[in-house]
Amino acid sequence: MLYGEIRPRSLADLANIFCPPQLRMRALSVACLAIILPAVLFSSHAAAQDSFEVQVYESDLVPSGHFELDVHTLFVGRGNTTWDGTVAPSNQQFHVALEFTRGVTDAFELGSYLLLARLPDGSSHYAGFRLRPRLRAPEDWHLPVGVSLSVEVGFPQLVYEPNHVSLEFRPIIDKRIGRWIFDINPVVTFAFNGPDAGQGMALEPEAKIGYDIIVDRLMCEMEYFTALGPAHKLFPLAEQVHLLYPKLEYTITPAFVVNAGVGFGLTGASDRLTWAARFTFNL
């Protein structure tokens, strides 16, 4: 070792040398802006509220080296009954999303989705594919809340969404206080190469409050989903999507979790009654 050289013993030591903790949040902010600004300037707004994955994200990731399978199911009991361009009526549709997620590091995971659907006439369809990388603020930042960022690129079939390619930025902020969890996802979405071109960024914020009835076993949740329209000119209230979802989550074993609930549409543009369930397998 020459001239007082500091030799790092691990990748973490090397990161501390070149990017001290006090600079990391600034670097993360700059990186997020570098990703989001081009999308804001050059994209169009996305479709209405997602009807394949009804979930408010928490900031925790799949542990490094582990694999998780989530089976999302949704049935629209009372939805819209008319075609909207290429998009089929949602009434009586049944959706399945197979979500495969791998924990790559303690601060990064990569997920993908295979979307399937069954229409009221009994026909079954491939509905699209999605890819979702997600980053989480490291524990050694000692933030007062959990923070992560999901970026999702979707390639839907036009029977289910009007645009060929969709893009979603999902900041995730949550806080646990005793048995309570408070969670917000201020989602922004974009669409490319479709009839919504030129509309800019769309707002679809989501939120959740949960309470552990039995710690680590049974939780009750209230989730809230919206689709408000383009940020520069929100839709009138009657044309916005507002969904309220009371749910229960039961941890049968650490490797198998079931989450289920009923969704109630609060506006005319919302599906008025839906049932959703998610089955999580930690492998």
C-alpha atoms as a PDB file:
ATOM      1  CA  MET A   1       0.000   0.000   0.000  1.00  0.00           C
ATOM      2  CA  LEU A   2       1.617   3.306  -1.120  1.00  0.00           C
ATOM      3  CA  TYR A   3       1.211   6.908   0.064  1.00  0.00           C
ATOM      4  CA  GLY A   4      -1.576   6.177   2.537  1.00  0.00           C
ATOM      5  CA  GLU A   5      -3.745   4.484  -0.086  1.00  0.00           C
ATOM      6  CA  ILE A   6      -7.120   3.231   1.244  1.00  0.00           C
ATOM      7  CA  ARG A   7      -7.846  -0.236  -0.077  1.00  0.00           C
ATOM      8  CA  PRO A   8     -11.577  -1.107  -0.048  1.00  0.00           C
ATOM      9  CA  ARG A   9     -12.447  -4.480   1.397  1.00  0.00           C
ATOM     10  CA  SER A  10     -15.846  -4.792  -0.299  1.00  0.00           C
ATOM     11  CA  LEU A  11     -18.108  -3.215  -2.909  1.00  0.00           C
ATOM     12  CA  ALA A  12     -19.825  -1.292  -0.092  1.00  0.00           C
ATOM     13  CA  ASP A  13     -16.477   0.262   0.928  1.00  0.00           C
ATOM     14  CA  LEU A  14     -15.809   1.176  -2.693  1.00  0.00           C
ATOM     15  CA  ALA A  15     -19.247   2.816  -2.962  1.00  0.00           C
ATOM     16  CA  ASN A  16     -18.588   4.860   0.194  1.00  0.00           C
ATOM     17  CA  ILE A  17     -15.309   6.155  -1.273  1.00  0.00           C
ATOM     18  CA  PHE A  18     -16.741   7.297  -4.610  1.00  0.00           C
ATOM     19  CA  CYS A  19     -20.259   8.214  -3.448  1.00  0.00           C
ATOM     20  CA  PRO A  20     -20.498   9.155   0.238  1.00  0.00           C
ATOM     21  CA  PRO A  21     -23.924   8.631   1.909  1.00  0.00           C
ATOM     22  CA  GLN A  22     -24.686  12.362   1.945  1.00  0.00           C
ATOM     23  CA  LEU A  23     -24.449  12.470  -1.865  1.00  0.00           C
ATOM     24  CA  ARG A  24     -26.512   9.400  -2.641  1.00  0.00           C
ATOM     25  CA  MET A  25     -29.986  10.938  -2.382  1.00  0.00           C
ATOM     26  CA  ARG A  26     -28.896  13.785  -4.634  1.00  0.00           C
ATOM     27  CA  ALA A  27     -27.539  11.301  -7.155  1.00  0.00           C
ATOM     28  CA  LEU A  28     -30.781   9.290  -7.018  1.00  0.00           C
ATOM     29  CA  SER A  29     -32.840  12.447  -7.569  1.00  0.00           C
ATOM     30  CA  VAL A  30     -30.777  13.428 -10.605  1.00  0.00           C
ATOM     31  CA  ALA A  31     -31.099   9.910 -12.028  1.00  0.00           C
ATOM     32  CA  CYS A  32     -34.888   9.944 -11.583  1.00  0.00           C
ATOM     33  CA  LEU A  33     -35.145  13.324 -13.308  1.00  0.00           C
ATOM     34  CA  ALA A  34     -32.990  12.072 -16.160  1.00  0.00           C
ATOM     35  CA  ILE A  35     -35.458   9.217 -16.694  1.00  0.00           C
ATOM     36  CA  ILE A  36     -38.722  11.088 -16.128  1.00  0.00           C
ATOM     37  CA  LEU A  37     -38.128  14.360 -18.008  1.00  0.00           C
ATOM     38  CA  PRO A  38     -37.696  12.811 -21.468  1.00  0.00           C
ATOM     39  CA  ALA A  39     -40.866  10.785 -20.888  1.00  0.00           C
ATOM     40  CA  VAL A  40     -42.811  13.905 -19.876  1.00  0.00           C
ATOM     41  CA  LEU A  41     -41.620  15.798 -22.931  1.00  0.00           C
ATOM     42  CA  PHE A  42     -42.023  13.130 -25.587  1.00  0.00           C
ATOM     43  CA  SER A  43     -44.755  10.724 -24.502  1.00  0.00           C
ATOM     44  CA  SER A  44     -48.525  10.553 -24.388  1.00  0.00           C
ATOM     45  CA  HIS A  45     -50.871   9.664 -21.574  1.00  0.00           C
ATOM     46  CA  ALA A  46     -51.728   6.120 -20.646  1.00  0.00           C
ATOM     47  CA  ALA A  47     -55.007   4.275 -20.500  1.00  0.00           C
ATOM     48  CA  ALA A  48     -57.413   4.083 -17.575  1.00  0.00           C
ATOM     49  CA  GLN A  49     -56.851   2.312 -14.265  1.00  0.00           C
ATOM     50  CA  ASP A  50     -55.062  -1.038 -14.481  1.00  0.00           C
ATOM     51  CA  SER A  51     -57.479  -3.974 -14.310  1.00  0.00           C
ATOM     52  CA  PHE A  52     -54.918  -6.785 -14.268  1.00  0.00           C
ATOM     53  CA  GLU A  53     -52.924  -5.931 -11.139  1.00  0.00           C
ATOM     54  CA  VAL A  54     -54.918  -4.309  -8.326  1.00  0.00           C
ATOM     55  CA  GLN A  55     -52.193  -3.738  -5.743  1.00  0.00           C
ATOM     56  CA  VAL A  56     -50.705  -0.801  -3.863  1.00  0.00           C
ATOM     57  CA  TYR A  57     -46.989  -1.579  -3.625  1.00  0.00           C
ATOM     58  CA  GLU A  58     -45.002  -1.595  -0.400  1.00  0.00           C
ATOM     59  CA  SER A  59     -41.354  -0.550  -0.491  1.00  0.00           C
ATOM     60  CA  ASP A  60     -39.900  -3.949   0.491  1.00  0.00           C
ATOM     61  CA  LEU A  61     -38.288  -6.000  -2.284  1.00  0.00           C
ATOM     62  CA  VAL A  62     -37.943  -9.719  -2.880  1.00  0.00           C
ATOM     63  CA  PRO A  63     -34.766 -10.727  -0.956  1.00  0.00           C
ATOM     64  CA  SER A  64     -31.575 -11.036  -2.972  1.00  0.00           C
ATOM     65  CA  GLY A  65     -31.228 -14.457  -4.571  1.00  0.00           C
ATOM     66  CA  HIS A  66     -34.892 -15.364  -4.007  1.00  0.00           C
ATOM     67  CA  PHE A  67     -37.755 -15.808  -6.445  1.00  0.00           C
ATOM     68  CA  GLU A  68     -41.431 -14.872  -6.039  1.00  0.00           C
ATOM     69  CA  LEU A  69     -44.492 -15.813  -8.068  1.00  0.00           C
ATOM     70  CA  ASP A  70     -47.667 -13.730  -7.729  1.00  0.00           C
ATOM     71  CA  VAL A  71     -50.882 -14.861  -9.398  1.00  0.00           C
ATOM     72  CA  HIS A  72     -53.227 -11.870  -9.708  1.00  0.00           C
ATOM     73  CA  THR A  73     -56.874 -12.584 -10.597  1.00  0.00           C
ATOM     74  CA  LEU A  74     -59.721 -10.135 -11.190  1.00  0.00           C
ATOM     75  CA  PHE A  75     -63.347 -10.517 -12.208  1.00  0.00           C
ATOM     76  CA  VAL A  76     -65.441  -7.531 -13.316  1.00  0.00           C
ATOM     77  CA  GLY A  77     -68.950  -8.161 -11.991  1.00  0.00           C
ATOM     78  CA  ARG A  78     -70.379  -4.830 -13.118  1.00  0.00           C
ATOM     79  CA  GLY A  79     -68.332  -2.873 -15.632  1.00  0.00           C
ATOM     80  CA  ASN A  80     -68.871  -0.819 -18.764  1.00  0.00           C
ATOM     81  CA  THR A  81     -70.869  -2.478 -21.554  1.00  0.00           C
ATOM     82  CA  THR A  82     -69.808  -0.540 -24.670  1.00  0.00           C
ATOM     83  CA  TRP A  83     -66.705  -0.665 -26.864  1.00  0.00           C
ATOM     84  CA  ASP A  84     -64.250   2.255 -26.565  1.00  0.00           C
ATOM     85  CA  GLY A  85     -62.449   2.213 -29.897  1.00  0.00           C
ATOM     86  CA  THR A  86     -60.498  -1.068 -29.975  1.00  0.00           C
ATOM     87  CA  VAL A  87     -61.026  -1.705 -26.232  1.00  0.00           C
ATOM     88  CA  ALA A  88     -63.666  -4.314 -25.349  1.00  0.00           C
ATOM     89  CA  PRO A  89     -66.332  -3.724 -22.677  1.00  0.00           C
ATOM     90  CA  SER A  90     -64.948  -4.639 -19.254  1.00  0.00           C
ATOM     91  CA  ASN A  91     -68.217  -6.139 -17.981  1.00  0.00           C
ATOM     92  CA  GLN A  92     -67.904  -9.848 -17.045  1.00  0.00           C
ATOM     93  CA  GLN A  93     -64.227 -10.066 -18.043  1.00  0.00           C
ATOM     94  CA  PHE A  94     -61.873 -12.327 -16.058  1.00  0.00           C
ATOM     95  CA  HIS A  95     -58.194 -11.383 -15.900  1.00  0.00           C
ATOM     96  CA  VAL A  96     -55.069 -13.236 -14.768  1.00  0.00           C
ATOM     97  CA  ALA A  97     -51.594 -11.726 -14.393  1.00  0.00           C
ATOM     98  CA  LEU A  98     -48.668 -14.042 -13.690  1.00  0.00           C
ATOM     99  CA  GLU A  99     -45.945 -11.960 -12.038  1.00  0.00           C
ATOM    100  CA  PHE A 100     -42.440 -13.435 -11.797  1.00  0.00           C
ATOM    101  CA  THR A 101     -39.956 -11.478  -9.638  1.00  0.00           C
ATOM    102  CA  ARG A 102     -36.294 -12.131  -8.841  1.00  0.00           C
ATOM    103  CA  GLY A 103     -34.377 -10.360  -6.069  1.00  0.00           C
ATOM    104  CA  VAL A 104     -31.099  -9.372  -7.735  1.00  0.00           C
ATOM    105  CA  THR A 105     -29.522  -7.418  -4.861  1.00  0.00           C
ATOM    106  CA  ASP A 106     -30.741  -6.028  -1.546  1.00  0.00           C
ATOM    107  CA  ALA A 107     -31.708  -2.827  -3.387  1.00  0.00           C
ATOM    108  CA  PHE A 108     -32.826  -4.120  -6.800  1.00  0.00           C
ATOM    109  CA  GLU A 109     -35.364  -6.590  -8.165  1.00  0.00           C
ATOM    110  CA  LEU A 110     -36.603  -7.417 -11.642  1.00  0.00           C
ATOM    111  CA  GLY A 111     -40.171  -8.470 -12.384  1.00  0.00           C
ATOM    112  CA  SER A 112     -42.115  -9.547 -15.466  1.00  0.00           C
ATOM    113  CA  TYR A 113     -45.813 -10.149 -16.123  1.00  0.00           C
ATOM    114  CA  LEU A 114     -47.746 -12.403 -18.464  1.00  0.00           C
ATOM    115  CA  LEU A 115     -51.313 -11.107 -18.914  1.00  0.00           C
ATOM    116  CA  LEU A 116     -54.219 -13.400 -19.805  1.00  0.00           C
ATOM    117  CA  ALA A 117     -57.961 -12.710 -20.140  1.00  0.00           C
ATOM    118  CA  ARG A 118     -61.287 -14.411 -20.709  1.00  0.00           C
ATOM    119  CA  LEU A 119     -64.136 -12.494 -22.345  1.00  0.00           C
ATOM    120  CA  PRO A 120     -67.864 -13.027 -21.648  1.00  0.00           C
ATOM    121  CA  ASP A 121     -68.259 -15.028 -24.874  1.00  0.00           C
ATOM    122  CA  GLY A 122     -65.934 -17.675 -23.394  1.00  0.00           C
ATOM    123  CA  SER A 123     -62.912 -16.881 -25.563  1.00  0.00           C
ATOM    124  CA  SER A 124     -59.498 -16.726 -23.870  1.00  0.00           C
ATOM    125  CA  HIS A 125     -56.733 -14.368 -24.954  1.00  0.00           C
ATOM    126  CA  TYR A 126     -53.121 -13.392 -24.463  1.00  0.00           C
ATOM    127  CA  ALA A 127     -53.527  -9.824 -23.160  1.00  0.00           C
ATOM    128  CA  GLY A 128     -49.959  -8.532 -23.014  1.00  0.00           C
ATOM    129  CA  PHE A 129     -46.551  -8.537 -21.351  1.00  0.00           C
ATOM    130  CA  ARG A 130     -44.841  -6.201 -18.869  1.00  0.00           C
ATOM    131  CA  LEU A 131     -41.299  -5.735 -17.592  1.00  0.00           C
ATOM    132  CA  ARG A 132     -40.657  -4.028 -14.223  1.00  0.00           C
ATOM    133  CA  PRO A 133     -37.287  -3.170 -12.640  1.00  0.00           C
ATOM    134  CA  ARG A 134     -37.487  -1.719  -9.111  1.00  0.00           C
ATOM    135  CA  LEU A 135     -34.954   0.054  -6.885  1.00  0.00           C
ATOM    136  CA  ARG A 136     -35.152   0.550  -3.114  1.00  0.00           C
ATOM    137  CA  ALA A 137     -33.355   3.110  -0.951  1.00  0.00           C
ATOM    138  CA  PRO A 138     -30.751   1.142   1.077  1.00  0.00           C
ATOM    139  CA  GLU A 139     -31.239   0.636   4.803  1.00  0.00           C
ATOM    140  CA  ASP A 140     -27.981   2.449   5.600  1.00  0.00           C
ATOM    141  CA  TRP A 141     -29.524   5.686   4.349  1.00  0.00           C
ATOM    142  CA  HIS A 142     -31.609   5.607   7.564  1.00  0.00           C
ATOM    143  CA  LEU A 143     -34.646   7.277   5.974  1.00  0.00           C
ATOM    144  CA  PRO A 144     -37.697   7.807   8.217  1.00  0.00           C
ATOM    145  CA  VAL A 145     -39.911   6.036   5.628  1.00  0.00           C
ATOM    146  CA  GLY A 146     -39.507   3.159   3.209  1.00  0.00           C
ATOM    147  CA  VAL A 147     -38.813   4.382  -0.340  1.00  0.00           C
ATOM    148  CA  SER A 148     -38.573   2.549  -3.640  1.00  0.00           C
ATOM    149  CA  LEU A 149     -39.147   3.305  -7.334  1.00  0.00           C
ATOM    150  CA  SER A 150     -40.735   0.961  -9.877  1.00  0.00           C
ATOM    151  CA  VAL A 151     -40.511   1.587 -13.638  1.00  0.00           C
ATOM    152  CA  GLU A 152     -42.818  -0.618 -15.714  1.00  0.00           C
ATOM    153  CA  VAL A 153     -42.965  -0.971 -19.499  1.00  0.00           C
ATOM    154  CA  GLY A 154     -46.072  -2.675 -20.888  1.00  0.00           C
ATOM    155  CA  PHE A 155     -46.956  -4.137 -24.270  1.00  0.00           C
ATOM    156  CA  PRO A 156     -50.747  -4.629 -24.122  1.00  0.00           C
ATOM    157  CA  GLN A 157     -53.098  -6.078 -26.690  1.00  0.00           C
ATOM    158  CA  LEU A 158     -55.400  -3.401 -28.102  1.00  0.00           C
ATOM    159  CA  VAL A 159     -58.547  -5.233 -26.989  1.00  0.00           C
ATOM    160  CA  TYR A 160     -57.579  -4.303 -23.395  1.00  0.00           C
ATOM    161  CA  GLU A 161     -55.715  -0.981 -23.749  1.00  0.00           C
ATOM    162  CA  PRO A 162     -55.854   1.529 -26.615  1.00  0.00           C
ATOM    163  CA  ASN A 163     -52.086   2.151 -26.910  1.00  0.00           C
ATOM    164  CA  HIS A 164     -49.375  -0.204 -28.162  1.00  0.00           C
ATOM    165  CA  VAL A 165     -46.797   0.586 -25.473  1.00  0.00           C
ATOM    166  CA  SER A 166     -47.308   1.939 -21.939  1.00  0.00           C
ATOM    167  CA  LEU A 167     -44.856   3.303 -19.384  1.00  0.00           C
ATOM    168  CA  GLU A 168     -45.431   3.661 -15.639  1.00  0.00           C
ATOM    169  CA  PHE A 169     -43.346   5.393 -12.976  1.00  0.00           C
ATOM    170  CA  ARG A 170     -44.375   4.317  -9.476  1.00  0.00           C
ATOM    171  CA  PRO A 171     -42.692   5.998  -6.499  1.00  0.00           C
ATOM    172  CA  ILE A 172     -43.476   4.013  -3.343  1.00  0.00           C
ATOM    173  CA  ILE A 173     -43.460   5.565   0.128  1.00  0.00           C
ATOM    174  CA  ASP A 174     -44.598   3.656   3.204  1.00  0.00           C
ATOM    175  CA  LYS A 175     -44.397   3.829   6.990  1.00  0.00           C
ATOM    176  CA  ARG A 176     -45.117   1.250   9.689  1.00  0.00           C
ATOM    177  CA  ILE A 177     -46.298   2.489  13.083  1.00  0.00           C
ATOM    178  CA  GLY A 178     -47.005  -0.369  15.468  1.00  0.00           C
ATOM    179  CA  ARG A 179     -49.615  -2.576  13.797  1.00  0.00           C
ATOM    180  CA  TRP A 180     -50.463   0.079  11.196  1.00  0.00           C
ATOM    181  CA  ILE A 181     -49.009   0.608   7.735  1.00  0.00           C
ATOM    182  CA  PHE A 182     -49.536   3.752   5.660  1.00  0.00           C
ATOM    183  CA  ASP A 183     -48.605   3.561   2.001  1.00  0.00           C
ATOM    184  CA  ILE A 184     -48.823   5.899  -0.999  1.00  0.00           C
ATOM    185  CA  ASN A 185     -47.945   5.279  -4.654  1.00  0.00           C
ATOM    186  CA  PRO A 186     -48.113   8.607  -6.589  1.00  0.00           C
ATOM    187  CA  VAL A 187     -48.188   6.832  -9.960  1.00  0.00           C
ATOM    188  CA  VAL A 188     -47.642   8.659 -13.263  1.00  0.00           C
ATOM    189  CA  THR A 189     -48.242   6.923 -16.582  1.00  0.00           C
ATOM    190  CA  PHE A 190     -47.528   7.507 -20.263  1.00  0.00           C
ATOM    191  CA  ALA A 191     -48.526   5.918 -23.560  1.00  0.00           C
ATOM    192  CA  PHE A 192     -46.698   5.604 -26.861  1.00  0.00           C
ATOM    193  CA  ASN A 193     -47.836   4.938 -30.424  1.00  0.00           C
ATOM    194  CA  GLY A 194     -51.567   5.086 -29.829  1.00  0.00           C
ATOM    195  CA  PRO A 195     -54.657   7.316 -30.009  1.00  0.00           C
ATOM    196  CA  ASP A 196     -53.671   9.153 -26.804  1.00  0.00           C
ATOM    197  CA  ALA A 197     -50.533  10.635 -28.415  1.00  0.00           C
ATOM    198  CA  GLY A 198     -49.753  14.164 -27.322  1.00  0.00           C
ATOM    199  CA  GLN A 199     -51.704  14.085 -24.064  1.00  0.00           C
ATOM    200  CA  GLY A 200     -48.595  14.047 -21.837  1.00  0.00           C
ATOM    201  CA  MET A 201     -48.284  12.637 -18.335  1.00  0.00           C
ATOM    202  CA  ALA A 202     -51.353  11.090 -16.687  1.00  0.00           C
ATOM    203  CA  LEU A 203     -51.930  10.846 -12.937  1.00  0.00           C
ATOM    204  CA  GLU A 204     -53.038   7.601 -11.246  1.00  0.00           C
ATOM    205  CA  PRO A 205     -52.220   7.979  -7.530  1.00  0.00           C
ATOM    206  CA  GLU A 206     -52.928   5.069  -5.167  1.00  0.00           C
ATOM    207  CA  ALA A 207     -52.927   4.690  -1.388  1.00  0.00           C
ATOM    208  CA  LYS A 208     -53.370   2.050   1.311  1.00  0.00           C
ATOM    209  CA  ILE A 209     -53.968   1.828   5.043  1.00  0.00           C
ATOM    210  CA  GLY A 210     -53.455  -1.553   6.674  1.00  0.00           C
ATOM    211  CA  TYR A 211     -53.781  -2.957  10.195  1.00  0.00           C
ATOM    212  CA  ASP A 212     -52.374  -6.221  11.559  1.00  0.00           C
ATOM    213  CA  ILE A 213     -55.270  -8.013  13.229  1.00  0.00           C
ATOM    214  CA  ILE A 214     -52.893 -10.880  14.048  1.00  0.00           C
ATOM    215  CA  VAL A 215     -49.248  -9.839  13.701  1.00  0.00           C
ATOM    216  CA  ASP A 216     -47.501 -11.577  10.782  1.00  0.00           C
ATOM    217  CA  ARG A 217     -50.657 -13.582  10.092  1.00  0.00           C
ATOM    218  CA  LEU A 218     -53.789 -11.566   9.238  1.00  0.00           C
ATOM    219  CA  MET A 219     -54.052  -7.978   7.983  1.00  0.00           C
ATOM    220  CA  CYS A 220     -57.055  -5.916   6.942  1.00  0.00           C
ATOM    221  CA  GLU A 221     -56.460  -3.258   4.280  1.00  0.00           C
ATOM    222  CA  MET A 222     -58.262  -0.416   2.579  1.00  0.00           C
ATOM    223  CA  GLU A 223     -56.819   0.424  -0.848  1.00  0.00           C
ATOM    224  CA  TYR A 224     -57.744   3.361  -3.057  1.00  0.00           C
ATOM    225  CA  PHE A 225     -57.083   3.518  -6.813  1.00  0.00           C
ATOM    226  CA  THR A 226     -57.587   6.388  -9.241  1.00  0.00           C
ATOM    227  CA  ALA A 227     -57.105   7.452 -12.854  1.00  0.00           C
ATOM    228  CA  LEU A 228     -57.447  11.235 -12.981  1.00  0.00           C
ATOM    229  CA  GLY A 229     -56.430  12.004 -16.568  1.00  0.00           C
ATOM    230  CA  PRO A 230     -53.639  14.122 -18.100  1.00  0.00           C
ATOM    231  CA  ALA A 231     -51.706  16.237 -15.613  1.00  0.00           C
ATOM    232  CA  HIS A 232     -52.140  19.401 -17.685  1.00  0.00           C
ATOM    233  CA  LYS A 233     -55.941  19.005 -17.806  1.00  0.00           C
ATOM    234  CA  LEU A 234     -57.596  16.510 -15.465  1.00  0.00           C
ATOM    235  CA  PHE A 235     -60.779  14.787 -16.557  1.00  0.00           C
ATOM    236  CA  PRO A 236     -64.063  16.000 -15.008  1.00  0.00           C
ATOM    237  CA  LEU A 237     -64.858  14.053 -11.838  1.00  0.00           C
ATOM    238  CA  ALA A 238     -67.535  11.947 -13.565  1.00  0.00           C
ATOM    239  CA  GLU A 239     -64.946  10.774 -16.135  1.00  0.00           C
ATOM    240  CA  GLN A 240     -62.267   9.924 -13.570  1.00  0.00           C
ATOM    241  CA  VAL A 241     -61.752   6.441 -12.133  1.00  0.00           C
ATOM    242  CA  HIS A 242     -62.041   6.134  -8.333  1.00  0.00           C
ATOM    243  CA  LEU A 243     -62.040   2.636  -6.798  1.00  0.00           C
ATOM    244  CA  LEU A 244     -62.215   1.656  -3.124  1.00  0.00           C
ATOM    245  CA  TYR A 245     -60.955  -1.829  -2.235  1.00  0.00           C
ATOM    246  CA  PRO A 246     -61.368  -3.334   1.251  1.00  0.00           C
ATOM    247  CA  LYS A 247     -59.147  -6.432   1.475  1.00  0.00           C
ATOM    248  CA  LEU A 248     -57.868  -9.139   3.791  1.00  0.00           C
ATOM    249  CA  GLU A 249     -54.366 -10.613   3.604  1.00  0.00           C
ATOM    250  CA  TYR A 250     -53.720 -13.986   5.219  1.00  0.00           C
ATOM    251  CA  THR A 251     -50.234 -15.437   5.608  1.00  0.00           C
ATOM    252  CA  ILE A 252     -50.864 -19.173   5.565  1.00  0.00           C
ATOM    253  CA  THR A 253     -47.128 -19.919   5.737  1.00  0.00           C
ATOM    254  CA  PRO A 254     -44.108 -17.657   5.122  1.00  0.00           C
ATOM    255  CA  ALA A 255     -44.002 -19.173   1.636  1.00  0.00           C
ATOM    256  CA  PHE A 256     -47.717 -18.753   0.774  1.00  0.00           C
ATOM    257  CA  VAL A 257     -49.848 -15.605   1.180  1.00  0.00           C
ATOM    258  CA  VAL A 258     -53.416 -14.911   0.006  1.00  0.00           C
ATOM    259  CA  ASN A 259     -54.817 -11.399  -0.486  1.00  0.00           C
ATOM    260  CA  ALA A 260     -58.458 -10.882  -1.549  1.00  0.00           C
ATOM    261  CA  GLY A 261     -61.031  -8.124  -1.667  1.00  0.00           C
ATOM    262  CA  VAL A 262     -64.003  -6.497  -3.359  1.00  0.00           C
ATOM    263  CA  GLY A 263     -63.719  -3.252  -5.332  1.00  0.00           C
ATOM    264  CA  PHE A 264     -66.405  -0.578  -5.454  1.00  0.00           C
ATOM    265  CA  GLY A 265     -66.413   2.048  -8.202  1.00  0.00           C
ATOM    266  CA  LEU A 266     -67.274   5.516  -6.953  1.00  0.00           C
ATOM    267  CA  THR A 267     -67.823   7.243 -10.324  1.00  0.00           C
ATOM    268  CA  GLY A 268     -69.589   6.446 -13.582  1.00  0.00           C
ATOM    269  CA  ALA A 269     -66.268   5.867 -15.368  1.00  0.00           C
ATOM    270  CA  SER A 270     -65.229   3.213 -12.827  1.00  0.00           C
ATOM    271  CA  ASP A 271     -66.074  -0.474 -12.941  1.00  0.00           C
ATOM    272  CA  ARG A 272     -68.836  -0.544 -10.346  1.00  0.00           C
ATOM    273  CA  LEU A 273     -68.112  -3.970  -8.807  1.00  0.00           C
ATOM    274  CA  THR A 274     -64.987  -6.140  -9.059  1.00  0.00           C
ATOM    275  CA  TRP A 275     -63.462  -9.042  -7.167  1.00  0.00           C
ATOM    276  CA  ALA A 276     -59.683  -9.427  -6.924  1.00  0.00           C
ATOM    277  CA  ALA A 277     -57.392 -12.020  -5.358  1.00  0.00           C
ATOM    278  CA  ARG A 278     -53.611 -12.412  -5.268  1.00  0.00           C
ATOM    279  CA  PHE A 279     -51.757 -15.612  -4.442  1.00  0.00           C
ATOM    280  CA  THR A 280     -48.083 -15.149  -3.510  1.00  0.00           C
ATOM    281  CA  PHE A 281     -45.566 -18.005  -3.550  1.00  0.00           C
ATOM    282  CA  ASN A 282     -42.120 -17.256  -2.055  1.00  0.00           C
ATOM    283  CA  LEU A 283     -39.707 -19.721  -3.585  1.00  0.00           C
END
